[in-house]
Amino acid sequence: MLKLLLQQNNNFEIQSYKRPPNLKILKETHIAFSGSPQKHPYDPEKIILVAEPYSKNTFYYEFKTDDISYVEELPNLVNVEGEVVTMARFWIKKMSVGVRCIPFLIEDI
């Protein structure tokens, strides 16, 4: 499942979000979420943000693209095999509905 979420992206369309004129107002009206952005598998109006892509206990967020006001590019992550994952910080409007999903493996404890 996690392997499906970690897709190598050469260019992700986060350049379309322009820097707001007043960052203080942005911080009052939005919440920041960081992770690796991925296209939603079946809904082009949503985006997935994998919080810790190389962690064994990762989770992801799902947001509507209309609720994203600003995106900051963050330094990319590189694993020991040399695979690169794009990272970004998404500023989501307060009171928007998002989904947090925590996948886990069913096994004996």
PDB file of N, CA and C in Angstrom:
ATOM      1  N   MET A   1       0.827  -1.199   0.000  1.00  0.00           N
ATOM      2  CA  MET A   1       0.000   0.000   0.000  1.00  0.00           C
ATOM      3  C   MET A   1       0.865   1.254   0.000  1.00  0.00           C
ATOM      4  N   LEU A   2       1.866   1.307   0.890  1.00  0.00           N
ATOM      5  CA  LEU A   2       2.725   2.476   0.980  1.00  0.00           C
ATOM      6  C   LEU A   2       3.510   2.667  -0.308  1.00  0.00           C
ATOM      7  N   LYS A   3       3.922   1.566  -0.941  1.00  0.00           N
ATOM      8  CA  LYS A   3       4.670   1.651  -2.193  1.00  0.00           C
ATOM      9  C   LYS A   3       3.836   2.335  -3.273  1.00  0.00           C
ATOM     10  N   LEU A   4       2.505   2.128  -3.243  1.00  0.00           N
ATOM     11  CA  LEU A   4       1.631   2.790  -4.208  1.00  0.00           C
ATOM     12  C   LEU A   4       1.591   4.294  -3.979  1.00  0.00           C
ATOM     13  N   LEU A   5       1.695   4.723  -2.733  1.00  0.00           N
ATOM     14  CA  LEU A   5       1.645   6.146  -2.420  1.00  0.00           C
ATOM     15  C   LEU A   5       2.946   6.862  -2.756  1.00  0.00           C
ATOM     16  N   LEU A   6       4.066   6.141  -2.691  1.00  0.00           N
ATOM     17  CA  LEU A   6       5.359   6.755  -2.957  1.00  0.00           C
ATOM     18  C   LEU A   6       5.680   6.649  -4.438  1.00  0.00           C
ATOM     19  N   GLN A   7       5.209   7.599  -5.189  1.00  0.00           N
ATOM     20  CA  GLN A   7       5.465   7.637  -6.615  1.00  0.00           C
ATOM     21  C   GLN A   7       6.514   8.699  -6.876  1.00  0.00           C
ATOM     22  N   GLN A   8       7.468   8.386  -7.743  1.00  0.00           N
ATOM     23  CA  GLN A   8       8.501   9.356  -8.054  1.00  0.00           C
ATOM     24  C   GLN A   8       7.902  10.429  -8.962  1.00  0.00           C
ATOM     25  N   ASN A   9       7.998  11.674  -8.537  1.00  0.00           N
ATOM     26  CA  ASN A   9       7.470  12.802  -9.306  1.00  0.00           C
ATOM     27  C   ASN A   9       8.623  13.675  -9.746  1.00  0.00           C
ATOM     28  N   ASN A  10       8.699  13.926 -11.026  1.00  0.00           N
ATOM     29  CA  ASN A  10       9.722  14.834 -11.522  1.00  0.00           C
ATOM     30  C   ASN A  10       9.272  16.285 -11.401  1.00  0.00           C
ATOM     31  N   ASN A  11       8.002  16.536 -11.646  1.00  0.00           N
ATOM     32  CA  ASN A  11       7.480  17.894 -11.561  1.00  0.00           C
ATOM     33  C   ASN A  11       6.051  17.823 -11.064  1.00  0.00           C
ATOM     34  N   PHE A  12       5.804  18.394  -9.919  1.00  0.00           N
ATOM     35  CA  PHE A  12       4.455  18.420  -9.373  1.00  0.00           C
ATOM     36  C   PHE A  12       3.938  19.839  -9.499  1.00  0.00           C
ATOM     37  N   GLU A  13       2.686  20.020  -9.801  1.00  0.00           N
ATOM     38  CA  GLU A  13       2.131  21.319 -10.135  1.00  0.00           C
ATOM     39  C   GLU A  13       1.852  22.173  -8.913  1.00  0.00           C
ATOM     40  N   ILE A  14       2.867  22.418  -8.101  1.00  0.00           N
ATOM     41  CA  ILE A  14       2.661  23.278  -6.946  1.00  0.00           C
ATOM     42  C   ILE A  14       3.085  24.712  -7.251  1.00  0.00           C
ATOM     43  N   GLN A  15       3.622  24.950  -8.434  1.00  0.00           N
ATOM     44  CA  GLN A  15       4.017  26.295  -8.804  1.00  0.00           C
ATOM     45  C   GLN A  15       2.812  27.194  -9.069  1.00  0.00           C
ATOM     46  N   SER A  16       1.631  26.630  -9.249  1.00  0.00           N
ATOM     47  CA  SER A  16       0.447  27.420  -9.580  1.00  0.00           C
ATOM     48  C   SER A  16      -0.091  28.214  -8.380  1.00  0.00           C
ATOM     49  N   TYR A  17       0.378  27.938  -7.181  1.00  0.00           N
ATOM     50  CA  TYR A  17      -0.064  28.662  -5.991  1.00  0.00           C
ATOM     51  C   TYR A  17       0.901  29.819  -5.738  1.00  0.00           C
ATOM     52  N   LYS A  18       0.385  31.030  -5.753  1.00  0.00           N
ATOM     53  CA  LYS A  18       1.228  32.208  -5.569  1.00  0.00           C
ATOM     54  C   LYS A  18       1.298  32.593  -4.098  1.00  0.00           C
ATOM     55  N   ARG A  19       2.427  33.180  -3.721  1.00  0.00           N
ATOM     56  CA  ARG A  19       2.630  33.619  -2.343  1.00  0.00           C
ATOM     57  C   ARG A  19       1.612  34.705  -1.994  1.00  0.00           C
ATOM     58  N   PRO A  20       0.922  34.526  -0.866  1.00  0.00           N
ATOM     59  CA  PRO A  20      -0.048  35.558  -0.464  1.00  0.00           C
ATOM     60  C   PRO A  20       0.678  36.840  -0.061  1.00  0.00           C
ATOM     61  N   PRO A  21       0.021  37.982  -0.228  1.00  0.00           N
ATOM     62  CA  PRO A  21       0.677  39.250   0.102  1.00  0.00           C
ATOM     63  C   PRO A  21       0.936  39.431   1.598  1.00  0.00           C
ATOM     64  N   ASN A  22       0.107  38.812   2.445  1.00  0.00           N
ATOM     65  CA  ASN A  22       0.258  38.993   3.880  1.00  0.00           C
ATOM     66  C   ASN A  22       0.318  37.631   4.569  1.00  0.00           C
ATOM     67  N   LEU A  23       1.528  37.211   4.971  1.00  0.00           N
ATOM     68  CA  LEU A  23       1.697  35.900   5.608  1.00  0.00           C
ATOM     69  C   LEU A  23       1.097  35.866   7.013  1.00  0.00           C
ATOM     70  N   LYS A  24       0.997  37.016   7.688  1.00  0.00           N
ATOM     71  CA  LYS A  24       0.407  37.036   9.027  1.00  0.00           C
ATOM     72  C   LYS A  24      -1.073  36.651   8.962  1.00  0.00           C
ATOM     73  N   ILE A  25      -1.783  37.167   7.978  1.00  0.00           N
ATOM     74  CA  ILE A  25      -3.199  36.823   7.817  1.00  0.00           C
ATOM     75  C   ILE A  25      -3.339  35.354   7.437  1.00  0.00           C
ATOM     76  N   LEU A  26      -2.437  34.854   6.588  1.00  0.00           N
ATOM     77  CA  LEU A  26      -2.464  33.435   6.199  1.00  0.00           C
ATOM     78  C   LEU A  26      -2.350  32.540   7.433  1.00  0.00           C
ATOM     79  N   LYS A  27      -1.463  32.873   8.349  1.00  0.00           N
ATOM     80  CA  LYS A  27      -1.276  32.079   9.561  1.00  0.00           C
ATOM     81  C   LYS A  27      -2.496  32.135  10.486  1.00  0.00           C
ATOM     82  N   GLU A  28      -3.272  33.191  10.410  1.00  0.00           N
ATOM     83  CA  GLU A  28      -4.472  33.308  11.235  1.00  0.00           C
ATOM     84  C   GLU A  28      -5.665  32.559  10.637  1.00  0.00           C
ATOM     85  N   THR A  29      -5.693  32.400   9.322  1.00  0.00           N
ATOM     86  CA  THR A  29      -6.862  31.829   8.654  1.00  0.00           C
ATOM     87  C   THR A  29      -6.625  30.440   8.077  1.00  0.00           C
ATOM     88  N   HIS A  30      -5.399  29.920   8.188  1.00  0.00           N
ATOM     89  CA  HIS A  30      -5.050  28.630   7.589  1.00  0.00           C
ATOM     90  C   HIS A  30      -4.216  27.800   8.561  1.00  0.00           C
ATOM     91  N   ILE A  31      -4.146  26.499   8.292  1.00  0.00           N
ATOM     92  CA  ILE A  31      -3.301  25.574   9.048  1.00  0.00           C
ATOM     93  C   ILE A  31      -2.339  24.921   8.050  1.00  0.00           C
ATOM     94  N   ALA A  32      -1.080  24.773   8.434  1.00  0.00           N
ATOM     95  CA  ALA A  32      -0.065  24.185   7.550  1.00  0.00           C
ATOM     96  C   ALA A  32       0.052  22.680   7.798  1.00  0.00           C
ATOM     97  N   PHE A  33       0.155  21.917   6.709  1.00  0.00           N
ATOM     98  CA  PHE A  33       0.391  20.475   6.734  1.00  0.00           C
ATOM     99  C   PHE A  33       1.551  20.183   5.791  1.00  0.00           C
ATOM    100  N   SER A  34       2.505  19.373   6.249  1.00  0.00           N
ATOM    101  CA  SER A  34       3.677  19.057   5.431  1.00  0.00           C
ATOM    102  C   SER A  34       3.717  17.587   5.080  1.00  0.00           C
ATOM    103  N   GLY A  35       4.249  17.302   3.892  1.00  0.00           N
ATOM    104  CA  GLY A  35       4.394  15.922   3.460  1.00  0.00           C
ATOM    105  C   GLY A  35       4.715  15.841   1.983  1.00  0.00           C
ATOM    106  N   SER A  36       4.589  14.637   1.453  1.00  0.00           N
ATOM    107  CA  SER A  36       4.852  14.388   0.042  1.00  0.00           C
ATOM    108  C   SER A  36       3.537  14.413  -0.728  1.00  0.00           C
ATOM    109  N   PRO A  37       3.348  15.383  -1.632  1.00  0.00           N
ATOM    110  CA  PRO A  37       2.081  15.471  -2.365  1.00  0.00           C
ATOM    111  C   PRO A  37       1.977  14.399  -3.446  1.00  0.00           C
ATOM    112  N   GLN A  38       0.793  13.806  -3.547  1.00  0.00           N
ATOM    113  CA  GLN A  38       0.510  12.778  -4.551  1.00  0.00           C
ATOM    114  C   GLN A  38      -0.847  13.073  -5.171  1.00  0.00           C
ATOM    115  N   LYS A  39      -1.002  12.712  -6.433  1.00  0.00           N
ATOM    116  CA  LYS A  39      -2.309  12.851  -7.073  1.00  0.00           C
ATOM    117  C   LYS A  39      -3.259  11.836  -6.467  1.00  0.00           C
ATOM    118  N   HIS A  40      -4.499  12.245  -6.292  1.00  0.00           N
ATOM    119  CA  HIS A  40      -5.515  11.337  -5.778  1.00  0.00           C
ATOM    120  C   HIS A  40      -5.775  10.267  -6.836  1.00  0.00           C
ATOM    121  N   PRO A  41      -5.943   9.002  -6.430  1.00  0.00           N
ATOM    122  CA  PRO A  41      -6.054   7.924  -7.425  1.00  0.00           C
ATOM    123  C   PRO A  41      -7.285   7.994  -8.323  1.00  0.00           C
ATOM    124  N   TYR A  42      -8.378   8.637  -7.862  1.00  0.00           N
ATOM    125  CA  TYR A  42      -9.572   8.657  -8.706  1.00  0.00           C
ATOM    126  C   TYR A  42     -10.327   9.987  -8.707  1.00  0.00           C
ATOM    127  N   ASP A  43      -9.961  10.938  -7.884  1.00  0.00           N
ATOM    128  CA  ASP A  43     -10.672  12.205  -7.810  1.00  0.00           C
ATOM    129  C   ASP A  43      -9.714  13.365  -8.102  1.00  0.00           C
ATOM    130  N   PRO A  44      -9.811  13.980  -9.277  1.00  0.00           N
ATOM    131  CA  PRO A  44      -8.895  15.074  -9.615  1.00  0.00           C
ATOM    132  C   PRO A  44      -9.116  16.342  -8.793  1.00  0.00           C
ATOM    133  N   GLU A  45     -10.204  16.400  -8.023  1.00  0.00           N
ATOM    134  CA  GLU A  45     -10.498  17.557  -7.183  1.00  0.00           C
ATOM    135  C   GLU A  45      -9.874  17.436  -5.790  1.00  0.00           C
ATOM    136  N   LYS A  46      -9.136  16.338  -5.550  1.00  0.00           N
ATOM    137  CA  LYS A  46      -8.506  16.113  -4.239  1.00  0.00           C
ATOM    138  C   LYS A  46      -7.027  15.818  -4.415  1.00  0.00           C
ATOM    139  N   ILE A  47      -6.298  15.970  -3.314  1.00  0.00           N
ATOM    140  CA  ILE A  47      -4.872  15.674  -3.298  1.00  0.00           C
ATOM    141  C   ILE A  47      -4.546  14.897  -2.036  1.00  0.00           C
ATOM    142  N   ILE A  48      -3.541  14.055  -2.122  1.00  0.00           N
ATOM    143  CA  ILE A  48      -3.076  13.274  -0.971  1.00  0.00           C
ATOM    144  C   ILE A  48      -1.722  13.827  -0.540  1.00  0.00           C
ATOM    145  N   LEU A  49      -1.520  13.929   0.764  1.00  0.00           N
ATOM    146  CA  LEU A  49      -0.264  14.405   1.329  1.00  0.00           C
ATOM    147  C   LEU A  49       0.238  13.354   2.311  1.00  0.00           C
ATOM    148  N   VAL A  50       1.306  12.621   1.930  1.00  0.00           N
ATOM    149  CA  VAL A  50       1.875  11.570   2.775  1.00  0.00           C
ATOM    150  C   VAL A  50       2.794  12.246   3.788  1.00  0.00           C
ATOM    151  N   ALA A  51       2.478  12.104   5.071  1.00  0.00           N
ATOM    152  CA  ALA A  51       3.163  12.865   6.118  1.00  0.00           C
ATOM    153  C   ALA A  51       4.651  12.496   6.260  1.00  0.00           C
ATOM    154  N   GLU A  52       4.977  11.254   6.451  1.00  0.00           N
ATOM    155  CA  GLU A  52       6.359  10.798   6.630  1.00  0.00           C
ATOM    156  C   GLU A  52       6.602   9.659   5.647  1.00  0.00           C
ATOM    157  N   PRO A  53       6.962   9.955   4.416  1.00  0.00           N
ATOM    158  CA  PRO A  53       6.980   8.927   3.376  1.00  0.00           C
ATOM    159  C   PRO A  53       7.914   7.748   3.635  1.00  0.00           C
ATOM    160  N   TYR A  54       8.999   7.927   4.357  1.00  0.00           N
ATOM    161  CA  TYR A  54       9.936   6.824   4.583  1.00  0.00           C
ATOM    162  C   TYR A  54       9.788   6.178   5.961  1.00  0.00           C
ATOM    163  N   SER A  55       8.800   6.578   6.723  1.00  0.00           N
ATOM    164  CA  SER A  55       8.568   5.998   8.041  1.00  0.00           C
ATOM    165  C   SER A  55       7.742   4.718   7.920  1.00  0.00           C
ATOM    166  N   LYS A  56       7.947   3.787   8.836  1.00  0.00           N
ATOM    167  CA  LYS A  56       7.131   2.566   8.857  1.00  0.00           C
ATOM    168  C   LYS A  56       5.741   2.847   9.418  1.00  0.00           C
ATOM    169  N   ASN A  57       5.596   3.917  10.180  1.00  0.00           N
ATOM    170  CA  ASN A  57       4.306   4.275  10.793  1.00  0.00           C
ATOM    171  C   ASN A  57       3.760   5.550  10.180  1.00  0.00           C
ATOM    172  N   THR A  58       3.721   5.602   8.869  1.00  0.00           N
ATOM    173  CA  THR A  58       3.273   6.823   8.211  1.00  0.00           C
ATOM    174  C   THR A  58       1.753   6.889   8.121  1.00  0.00           C
ATOM    175  N   PHE A  59       1.254   8.036   7.744  1.00  0.00           N
ATOM    176  CA  PHE A  59      -0.164   8.246   7.487  1.00  0.00           C
ATOM    177  C   PHE A  59      -0.262   9.284   6.389  1.00  0.00           C
ATOM    178  N   TYR A  60      -1.472   9.487   5.893  1.00  0.00           N
ATOM    179  CA  TYR A  60      -1.620  10.517   4.865  1.00  0.00           C
ATOM    180  C   TYR A  60      -2.885  11.320   5.093  1.00  0.00           C
ATOM    181  N   TYR A  61      -2.860  12.535   4.539  1.00  0.00           N
ATOM    182  CA  TYR A  61      -4.005  13.428   4.558  1.00  0.00           C
ATOM    183  C   TYR A  61      -4.616  13.468   3.169  1.00  0.00           C
ATOM    184  N   GLU A  62      -5.909  13.753   3.129  1.00  0.00           N
ATOM    185  CA  GLU A  62      -6.602  13.957   1.866  1.00  0.00           C
ATOM    186  C   GLU A  62      -7.330  15.290   1.971  1.00  0.00           C
ATOM    187  N   PHE A  63      -7.086  16.190   1.013  1.00  0.00           N
ATOM    188  CA  PHE A  63      -7.697  17.508   1.010  1.00  0.00           C
ATOM    189  C   PHE A  63      -8.319  17.795  -0.348  1.00  0.00           C
ATOM    190  N   LYS A  64      -9.338  18.650  -0.353  1.00  0.00           N
ATOM    191  CA  LYS A  64      -9.864  19.178  -1.610  1.00  0.00           C
ATOM    192  C   LYS A  64      -8.887  20.250  -2.108  1.00  0.00           C
ATOM    193  N   THR A  65      -8.626  20.256  -3.388  1.00  0.00           N
ATOM    194  CA  THR A  65      -7.688  21.240  -3.933  1.00  0.00           C
ATOM    195  C   THR A  65      -8.206  22.670  -3.776  1.00  0.00           C
ATOM    196  N   ASP A  66      -9.518  22.851  -3.733  1.00  0.00           N
ATOM    197  CA  ASP A  66     -10.086  24.193  -3.545  1.00  0.00           C
ATOM    198  C   ASP A  66      -9.807  24.751  -2.151  1.00  0.00           C
ATOM    199  N   ASP A  67      -9.491  23.896  -1.184  1.00  0.00           N
ATOM    200  CA  ASP A  67      -9.217  24.342   0.180  1.00  0.00           C
ATOM    201  C   ASP A  67      -7.751  24.726   0.386  1.00  0.00           C
ATOM    202  N   ILE A  68      -6.916  24.522  -0.621  1.00  0.00           N
ATOM    203  CA  ILE A  68      -5.488  24.859  -0.542  1.00  0.00           C
ATOM    204  C   ILE A  68      -5.306  26.282  -1.045  1.00  0.00           C
ATOM    205  N   SER A  69      -4.732  27.138  -0.193  1.00  0.00           N
ATOM    206  CA  SER A  69      -4.521  28.524  -0.587  1.00  0.00           C
ATOM    207  C   SER A  69      -3.086  28.808  -0.988  1.00  0.00           C
ATOM    208  N   TYR A  70      -2.142  28.081  -0.411  1.00  0.00           N
ATOM    209  CA  TYR A  70      -0.730  28.348  -0.681  1.00  0.00           C
ATOM    210  C   TYR A  70       0.072  27.073  -0.447  1.00  0.00           C
ATOM    211  N   VAL A  71       1.089  26.869  -1.270  1.00  0.00           N
ATOM    212  CA  VAL A  71       1.965  25.699  -1.140  1.00  0.00           C
ATOM    213  C   VAL A  71       3.408  26.174  -1.151  1.00  0.00           C
ATOM    214  N   GLU A  72       4.187  25.706  -0.177  1.00  0.00           N
ATOM    215  CA  GLU A  72       5.616  26.005  -0.125  1.00  0.00           C
ATOM    216  C   GLU A  72       6.389  24.740  -0.485  1.00  0.00           C
ATOM    217  N   GLU A  73       7.342  24.871  -1.367  1.00  0.00           N
ATOM    218  CA  GLU A  73       8.206  23.735  -1.662  1.00  0.00           C
ATOM    219  C   GLU A  73       9.207  23.577  -0.521  1.00  0.00           C
ATOM    220  N   LEU A  74       9.391  22.348  -0.067  1.00  0.00           N
ATOM    221  CA  LEU A  74      10.346  22.026   0.986  1.00  0.00           C
ATOM    222  C   LEU A  74      11.488  21.214   0.375  1.00  0.00           C
ATOM    223  N   PRO A  75      12.594  21.058   1.084  1.00  0.00           N
ATOM    224  CA  PRO A  75      13.677  20.211   0.555  1.00  0.00           C
ATOM    225  C   PRO A  75      13.183  18.779   0.317  1.00  0.00           C
ATOM    226  N   ASN A  76      13.619  18.184  -0.784  1.00  0.00           N
ATOM    227  CA  ASN A  76      13.250  16.810  -1.106  1.00  0.00           C
ATOM    228  C   ASN A  76      13.898  15.838  -0.142  1.00  0.00           C
ATOM    229  N   LEU A  77      13.301  14.668   0.017  1.00  0.00           N
ATOM    230  CA  LEU A  77      13.884  13.588   0.816  1.00  0.00           C
ATOM    231  C   LEU A  77      14.521  12.573  -0.122  1.00  0.00           C
ATOM    232  N   VAL A  78      15.661  12.033   0.287  1.00  0.00           N
ATOM    233  CA  VAL A  78      16.344  11.008  -0.495  1.00  0.00           C
ATOM    234  C   VAL A  78      16.626   9.837   0.431  1.00  0.00           C
ATOM    235  N   ASN A  79      16.257   8.610  -0.009  1.00  0.00           N
ATOM    236  CA  ASN A  79      16.549   7.440   0.825  1.00  0.00           C
ATOM    237  C   ASN A  79      17.914   6.863   0.456  1.00  0.00           C
ATOM    238  N   VAL A  80      18.326   5.782   1.112  1.00  0.00           N
ATOM    239  CA  VAL A  80      19.658   5.207   0.891  1.00  0.00           C
ATOM    240  C   VAL A  80      19.822   4.619  -0.511  1.00  0.00           C
ATOM    241  N   GLU A  81      18.705   4.291  -1.177  1.00  0.00           N
ATOM    242  CA  GLU A  81      18.777   3.785  -2.550  1.00  0.00           C
ATOM    243  C   GLU A  81      18.838   4.919  -3.574  1.00  0.00           C
ATOM    244  N   GLY A  82      18.754   6.147  -3.124  1.00  0.00           N
ATOM    245  CA  GLY A  82      18.823   7.293  -4.028  1.00  0.00           C
ATOM    246  C   GLY A  82      17.484   7.728  -4.599  1.00  0.00           C
ATOM    247  N   GLU A  83      16.382   7.157  -4.111  1.00  0.00           N
ATOM    248  CA  GLU A  83      15.059   7.576  -4.572  1.00  0.00           C
ATOM    249  C   GLU A  83      14.706   8.909  -3.930  1.00  0.00           C
ATOM    250  N   VAL A  84      14.162   9.808  -4.736  1.00  0.00           N
ATOM    251  CA  VAL A  84      13.836  11.159  -4.278  1.00  0.00           C
ATOM    252  C   VAL A  84      12.322  11.304  -4.155  1.00  0.00           C
ATOM    253  N   VAL A  85      11.884  11.905  -3.057  1.00  0.00           N
ATOM    254  CA  VAL A  85      10.471  12.188  -2.835  1.00  0.00           C
ATOM    255  C   VAL A  85      10.321  13.690  -2.643  1.00  0.00           C
ATOM    256  N   THR A  86       9.411  14.291  -3.410  1.00  0.00           N
ATOM    257  CA  THR A  86       9.118  15.717  -3.305  1.00  0.00           C
ATOM    258  C   THR A  86       8.367  15.994  -2.008  1.00  0.00           C
ATOM    259  N   MET A  87       8.743  17.060  -1.314  1.00  0.00           N
ATOM    260  CA  MET A  87       8.079  17.462  -0.082  1.00  0.00           C
ATOM    261  C   MET A  87       7.543  18.883  -0.236  1.00  0.00           C
ATOM    262  N   ALA A  88       6.414  19.155   0.440  1.00  0.00           N
ATOM    263  CA  ALA A  88       5.793  20.478   0.366  1.00  0.00           C
ATOM    264  C   ALA A  88       5.017  20.756   1.640  1.00  0.00           C
ATOM    265  N   ARG A  89       4.760  22.036   1.875  1.00  0.00           N
ATOM    266  CA  ARG A  89       3.904  22.466   2.979  1.00  0.00           C
ATOM    267  C   ARG A  89       2.653  23.093   2.363  1.00  0.00           C
ATOM    268  N   PHE A  90       1.496  22.552   2.717  1.00  0.00           N
ATOM    269  CA  PHE A  90       0.221  23.020   2.191  1.00  0.00           C
ATOM    270  C   PHE A  90      -0.484  23.849   3.256  1.00  0.00           C
ATOM    271  N   TRP A  91      -0.970  25.021   2.888  1.00  0.00           N
ATOM    272  CA  TRP A  91      -1.735  25.872   3.780  1.00  0.00           C
ATOM    273  C   TRP A  91      -3.210  25.674   3.449  1.00  0.00           C
ATOM    274  N   ILE A  92      -3.945  25.047   4.384  1.00  0.00           N
ATOM    275  CA  ILE A  92      -5.346  24.683   4.203  1.00  0.00           C
ATOM    276  C   ILE A  92      -6.227  25.650   4.994  1.00  0.00           C
ATOM    277  N   LYS A  93      -7.318  26.107   4.368  1.00  0.00           N
ATOM    278  CA  LYS A  93      -8.246  27.023   5.029  1.00  0.00           C
ATOM    279  C   LYS A  93      -8.821  26.383   6.290  1.00  0.00           C
ATOM    280  N   LYS A  94      -8.879  27.145   7.363  1.00  0.00           N
ATOM    281  CA  LYS A  94      -9.510  26.661   8.592  1.00  0.00           C
ATOM    282  C   LYS A  94     -10.968  26.337   8.320  1.00  0.00           C
ATOM    283  N   MET A  95     -11.492  25.353   9.014  1.00  0.00           N
ATOM    284  CA  MET A  95     -12.858  24.852   8.915  1.00  0.00           C
ATOM    285  C   MET A  95     -13.107  24.033   7.650  1.00  0.00           C
ATOM    286  N   SER A  96     -12.060  23.730   6.892  1.00  0.00           N
ATOM    287  CA  SER A  96     -12.194  22.824   5.751  1.00  0.00           C
ATOM    288  C   SER A  96     -12.246  21.400   6.277  1.00  0.00           C
ATOM    289  N   VAL A  97     -12.823  20.507   5.501  1.00  0.00           N
ATOM    290  CA  VAL A  97     -12.886  19.100   5.888  1.00  0.00           C
ATOM    291  C   VAL A  97     -11.733  18.361   5.217  1.00  0.00           C
ATOM    292  N   GLY A  98     -10.938  17.676   6.026  1.00  0.00           N
ATOM    293  CA  GLY A  98      -9.850  16.848   5.525  1.00  0.00           C
ATOM    294  C   GLY A  98     -10.004  15.446   6.080  1.00  0.00           C
ATOM    295  N   VAL A  99      -9.278  14.514   5.492  1.00  0.00           N
ATOM    296  CA  VAL A  99      -9.294  13.129   5.964  1.00  0.00           C
ATOM    297  C   VAL A  99      -7.874  12.745   6.337  1.00  0.00           C
ATOM    298  N   ARG A 100      -7.717  12.135   7.520  1.00  0.00           N
ATOM    299  CA  ARG A 100      -6.417  11.586   7.919  1.00  0.00           C
ATOM    300  C   ARG A 100      -6.571  10.077   7.970  1.00  0.00           C
ATOM    301  N   CYS A 101      -5.738   9.380   7.225  1.00  0.00           N
ATOM    302  CA  CYS A 101      -5.814   7.920   7.150  1.00  0.00           C
ATOM    303  C   CYS A 101      -4.517   7.315   7.675  1.00  0.00           C
ATOM    304  N   ILE A 102      -4.659   6.347   8.573  1.00  0.00           N
ATOM    305  CA  ILE A 102      -3.499   5.664   9.153  1.00  0.00           C
ATOM    306  C   ILE A 102      -3.583   4.201   8.763  1.00  0.00           C
ATOM    307  N   PRO A 103      -2.912   3.806   7.661  1.00  0.00           N
ATOM    308  CA  PRO A 103      -2.945   2.390   7.274  1.00  0.00           C
ATOM    309  C   PRO A 103      -2.099   1.557   8.240  1.00  0.00           C
ATOM    310  N   PHE A 104      -2.516   0.323   8.458  1.00  0.00           N
ATOM    311  CA  PHE A 104      -1.751  -0.569   9.322  1.00  0.00           C
ATOM    312  C   PHE A 104      -1.932  -2.006   8.825  1.00  0.00           C
ATOM    313  N   LEU A 105      -0.996  -2.850   9.214  1.00  0.00           N
ATOM    314  CA  LEU A 105      -0.995  -4.248   8.822  1.00  0.00           C
ATOM    315  C   LEU A 105      -1.649  -5.073   9.918  1.00  0.00           C
ATOM    316  N   ILE A 106      -2.583  -5.906   9.543  1.00  0.00           N
ATOM    317  CA  ILE A 106      -3.257  -6.772  10.510  1.00  0.00           C
ATOM    318  C   ILE A 106      -2.353  -7.988  10.762  1.00  0.00           C
ATOM    319  N   GLU A 107      -1.944  -8.147  12.012  1.00  0.00           N
ATOM    320  CA  GLU A 107      -1.106  -9.281  12.374  1.00  0.00           C
ATOM    321  C   GLU A 107      -1.237  -9.542  13.875  1.00  0.00           C
ATOM    322  N   ASP A 108      -0.698 -10.648  14.324  1.00  0.00           N
ATOM    323  CA  ASP A 108      -0.731 -10.967  15.749  1.00  0.00           C
ATOM    324  C   ASP A 108       0.098  -9.970  16.534  1.00  0.00           C
ATOM    325  N   ILE A 109      -0.386  -9.660  17.728  1.00  0.00           N
ATOM    326  CA  ILE A 109       0.342  -8.736  18.610  1.00  0.00           C
ATOM    327  C   ILE A 109       1.191  -9.550  19.561  1.00  0.00           C
TER     328      ILE A 109
END
